[in-house]
Amino acid sequence: MTIRNSVQVAFDRFCAEMGMEKHSGSWYSPGQEVRAVLNLQRSQYAPKYYINIGFCLGTTANLRYPREVDCEIRDRLDGVLPDLREELKDLLDLRTDIDDAPRIGRLTDILTSYLRPLLEDASTLNGLRALNAKGVFRWAGIRPPATTLLQEQRPQSPGS
């Protein structure tokens, strides 16, 4: 049995509570238009982690288990939450002097309070467009097909 550290525990618990499905180390949101892919990347140089976020659109979203690197929009958690960059850096680095319970608690708070609403908003193309208009993806890697989709305006239904 593998022993999970505090970062892995908090991340996996959050993803499971979001109703995401785990496959080969990544977590997948259910979705028709947009699928989120989250994974926890361990640094090869130190006991620290990065939370990678990918949003798959179109045909990539229809794949059962697209890799995060194949998503049309990619970023790290600290890229979409720049105001929390330093705190996230400390929480995701197991060398910092933070006990397990407070680390799990604060990381869970951040994931629940900030990442959860972002994932909910990003579950549709219109939601992604709104996030993009707010500058959430200013540091993200966005492939050209997604760039076009993010700029398109959906026609409003009558009476909207």
Protein backbone atom coordinates (compact mmCIF):
# COMPACT_ATOMS: atom_id res chain seq x y z
CA MET A 1 0.00 0.00 0.00
CA THR A 2 1.28 3.45 -0.92
CA ILE A 3 1.41 6.06 1.82
CA ARG A 4 -0.15 9.32 0.65
CA ASN A 5 1.27 12.64 1.83
CA SER A 6 -0.83 15.60 2.93
CA VAL A 7 -0.83 17.29 -0.50
CA GLN A 8 -1.97 14.10 -2.23
CA VAL A 9 -4.66 13.51 0.41
CA ALA A 10 -6.11 17.02 0.08
CA PHE A 11 -5.99 16.99 -3.74
CA ASP A 12 -7.52 13.52 -4.15
CA ARG A 13 -10.22 14.22 -1.57
CA PHE A 14 -11.19 17.46 -3.32
CA CYS A 15 -11.37 15.83 -6.76
CA ALA A 16 -13.42 12.91 -5.46
CA GLU A 17 -15.84 15.29 -3.72
CA MET A 18 -16.20 17.17 -7.02
CA GLY A 19 -17.44 13.94 -8.62
CA MET A 20 -14.40 13.66 -10.85
CA GLU A 21 -13.14 10.31 -12.12
CA LYS A 22 -9.53 9.24 -11.55
CA HIS A 23 -7.55 7.50 -14.25
CA SER A 24 -3.76 7.10 -14.50
CA GLY A 25 -3.05 9.84 -11.96
CA SER A 26 -5.34 12.46 -13.51
CA TRP A 27 -8.83 13.47 -12.49
CA TYR A 28 -11.57 14.07 -15.10
CA SER A 29 -14.74 16.12 -14.80
CA PRO A 30 -17.85 14.92 -16.55
CA GLY A 31 -18.80 17.32 -19.29
CA GLN A 32 -20.33 17.69 -22.70
CA GLU A 33 -18.84 20.93 -24.04
CA VAL A 34 -15.81 21.23 -21.78
CA ARG A 35 -13.96 18.67 -19.66
CA ALA A 36 -11.51 19.63 -16.97
CA VAL A 37 -8.43 17.50 -16.38
CA LEU A 38 -6.52 17.97 -13.14
CA ASN A 39 -3.32 16.35 -12.09
CA LEU A 40 -0.80 16.64 -9.34
CA GLN A 41 2.73 16.84 -10.72
CA ARG A 42 5.61 16.06 -8.38
CA SER A 43 8.84 17.95 -8.95
CA GLN A 44 11.73 15.73 -9.91
CA TYR A 45 14.09 17.92 -7.91
CA ALA A 46 12.36 18.37 -4.56
CA PRO A 47 9.37 17.10 -2.55
CA LYS A 48 7.02 19.70 -3.95
CA TYR A 49 4.02 19.63 -6.24
CA TYR A 50 2.24 21.59 -8.95
CA ILE A 51 -1.48 21.35 -9.68
CA ASN A 52 -1.98 21.28 -13.44
CA ILE A 53 -5.32 22.23 -14.94
CA GLY A 54 -6.44 21.50 -18.47
CA PHE A 55 -9.67 22.28 -20.27
CA CYS A 56 -10.50 20.05 -23.21
CA LEU A 57 -12.84 21.29 -25.91
CA GLY A 58 -14.41 19.78 -29.01
CA THR A 59 -13.04 16.41 -30.05
CA THR A 60 -10.52 16.34 -27.21
CA ALA A 61 -13.39 16.69 -24.70
CA ASN A 62 -15.02 13.63 -26.28
CA LEU A 63 -12.04 11.42 -25.53
CA ARG A 64 -12.60 9.26 -22.46
CA TYR A 65 -9.27 10.12 -20.83
CA PRO A 66 -7.46 12.96 -22.62
CA ARG A 67 -4.08 13.82 -21.17
CA GLU A 68 -3.71 17.23 -19.55
CA VAL A 69 -0.95 18.07 -22.04
CA ASP A 70 -3.43 17.50 -24.90
CA CYS A 71 -5.99 20.00 -23.57
CA GLU A 72 -6.54 23.19 -25.56
CA ILE A 73 -6.27 25.39 -22.45
CA ARG A 74 -3.58 24.57 -19.88
CA ASP A 75 -2.33 26.27 -16.75
CA ARG A 76 -1.22 25.64 -13.22
CA LEU A 77 -3.35 26.45 -10.21
CA ASP A 78 -1.09 29.34 -9.23
CA GLY A 79 -1.51 30.73 -12.76
CA VAL A 80 -5.28 31.02 -12.44
CA LEU A 81 -5.01 32.15 -8.79
CA PRO A 82 -2.07 34.58 -8.89
CA ASP A 83 -3.07 36.28 -5.63
CA LEU A 84 -2.51 32.96 -3.85
CA ARG A 85 0.73 32.09 -5.67
CA GLU A 86 3.06 32.36 -2.65
CA GLU A 87 0.71 30.57 -0.27
CA LEU A 88 0.18 27.77 -2.79
CA LYS A 89 3.93 27.48 -3.28
CA ASP A 90 4.36 26.94 0.47
CA LEU A 91 1.44 24.55 0.81
CA LEU A 92 2.56 22.41 -2.13
CA ASP A 93 6.18 22.22 -0.93
CA LEU A 94 6.56 19.49 1.67
CA ARG A 95 9.83 21.07 2.86
CA THR A 96 7.98 24.05 4.35
CA ASP A 97 7.35 23.86 8.06
CA ILE A 98 3.60 23.24 7.99
CA ASP A 99 2.07 20.30 9.87
CA ASP A 100 -0.08 17.87 7.90
CA ALA A 101 -3.47 18.82 9.38
CA PRO A 102 -3.13 22.59 8.75
CA ARG A 103 -1.67 21.92 5.28
CA ILE A 104 -4.57 19.66 4.35
CA GLY A 105 -7.07 22.10 5.85
CA ARG A 106 -5.80 25.23 4.09
CA LEU A 107 -5.21 23.48 0.76
CA THR A 108 -8.73 22.05 0.94
CA ASP A 109 -10.09 25.54 1.72
CA ILE A 110 -8.34 27.01 -1.33
CA LEU A 111 -9.44 24.22 -3.63
CA THR A 112 -13.03 24.43 -2.41
CA SER A 113 -13.32 28.22 -2.28
CA TYR A 114 -11.45 29.10 -5.48
CA LEU A 115 -10.91 26.10 -7.75
CA ARG A 116 -14.38 24.59 -7.35
CA PRO A 117 -16.23 27.73 -8.60
CA LEU A 118 -13.71 28.12 -11.42
CA LEU A 119 -14.30 24.52 -12.55
CA GLU A 120 -18.06 25.01 -12.33
CA ASP A 121 -17.87 28.22 -14.39
CA ALA A 122 -15.55 26.56 -16.92
CA SER A 123 -17.89 23.63 -17.59
CA THR A 124 -19.35 25.40 -20.66
CA LEU A 125 -17.86 27.39 -23.54
CA ASN A 126 -19.73 30.49 -22.42
CA GLY A 127 -18.32 30.03 -18.94
CA LEU A 128 -14.80 29.72 -20.36
CA ARG A 129 -15.39 32.88 -22.40
CA ALA A 130 -16.47 34.77 -19.28
CA LEU A 131 -13.41 33.57 -17.34
CA ASN A 132 -11.17 34.52 -20.24
CA ALA A 133 -12.76 37.99 -20.43
CA LYS A 134 -11.94 38.44 -16.71
CA GLY A 135 -8.29 37.61 -17.43
CA VAL A 136 -8.25 34.27 -15.61
CA PHE A 137 -6.33 32.64 -18.48
CA ARG A 138 -3.85 35.47 -19.06
CA TRP A 139 -0.90 33.16 -18.22
CA ALA A 140 -2.42 29.98 -19.67
CA GLY A 141 -1.23 28.07 -22.67
CA ILE A 142 -4.07 28.34 -25.18
CA ARG A 143 -3.93 26.52 -28.50
CA PRO A 144 -5.23 28.33 -31.60
CA PRO A 145 -8.56 26.49 -31.94
CA ALA A 146 -9.42 27.44 -28.35
CA THR A 147 -8.29 31.03 -28.92
CA THR A 148 -10.89 31.31 -31.68
CA LEU A 149 -13.61 29.65 -29.60
CA LEU A 150 -12.92 31.94 -26.65
CA GLN A 151 -13.35 35.01 -28.87
CA GLU A 152 -16.60 33.88 -30.52
CA GLN A 153 -19.86 35.26 -29.24
CA ARG A 154 -22.76 32.88 -28.93
CA PRO A 155 -26.05 34.25 -30.24
CA GLN A 156 -28.40 35.23 -27.42
CA SER A 157 -31.76 33.56 -27.31
CA PRO A 158 -34.76 35.91 -27.84
CA GLY A 159 -35.68 37.73 -24.67
CA SER A 160 -32.22 37.40 -23.13
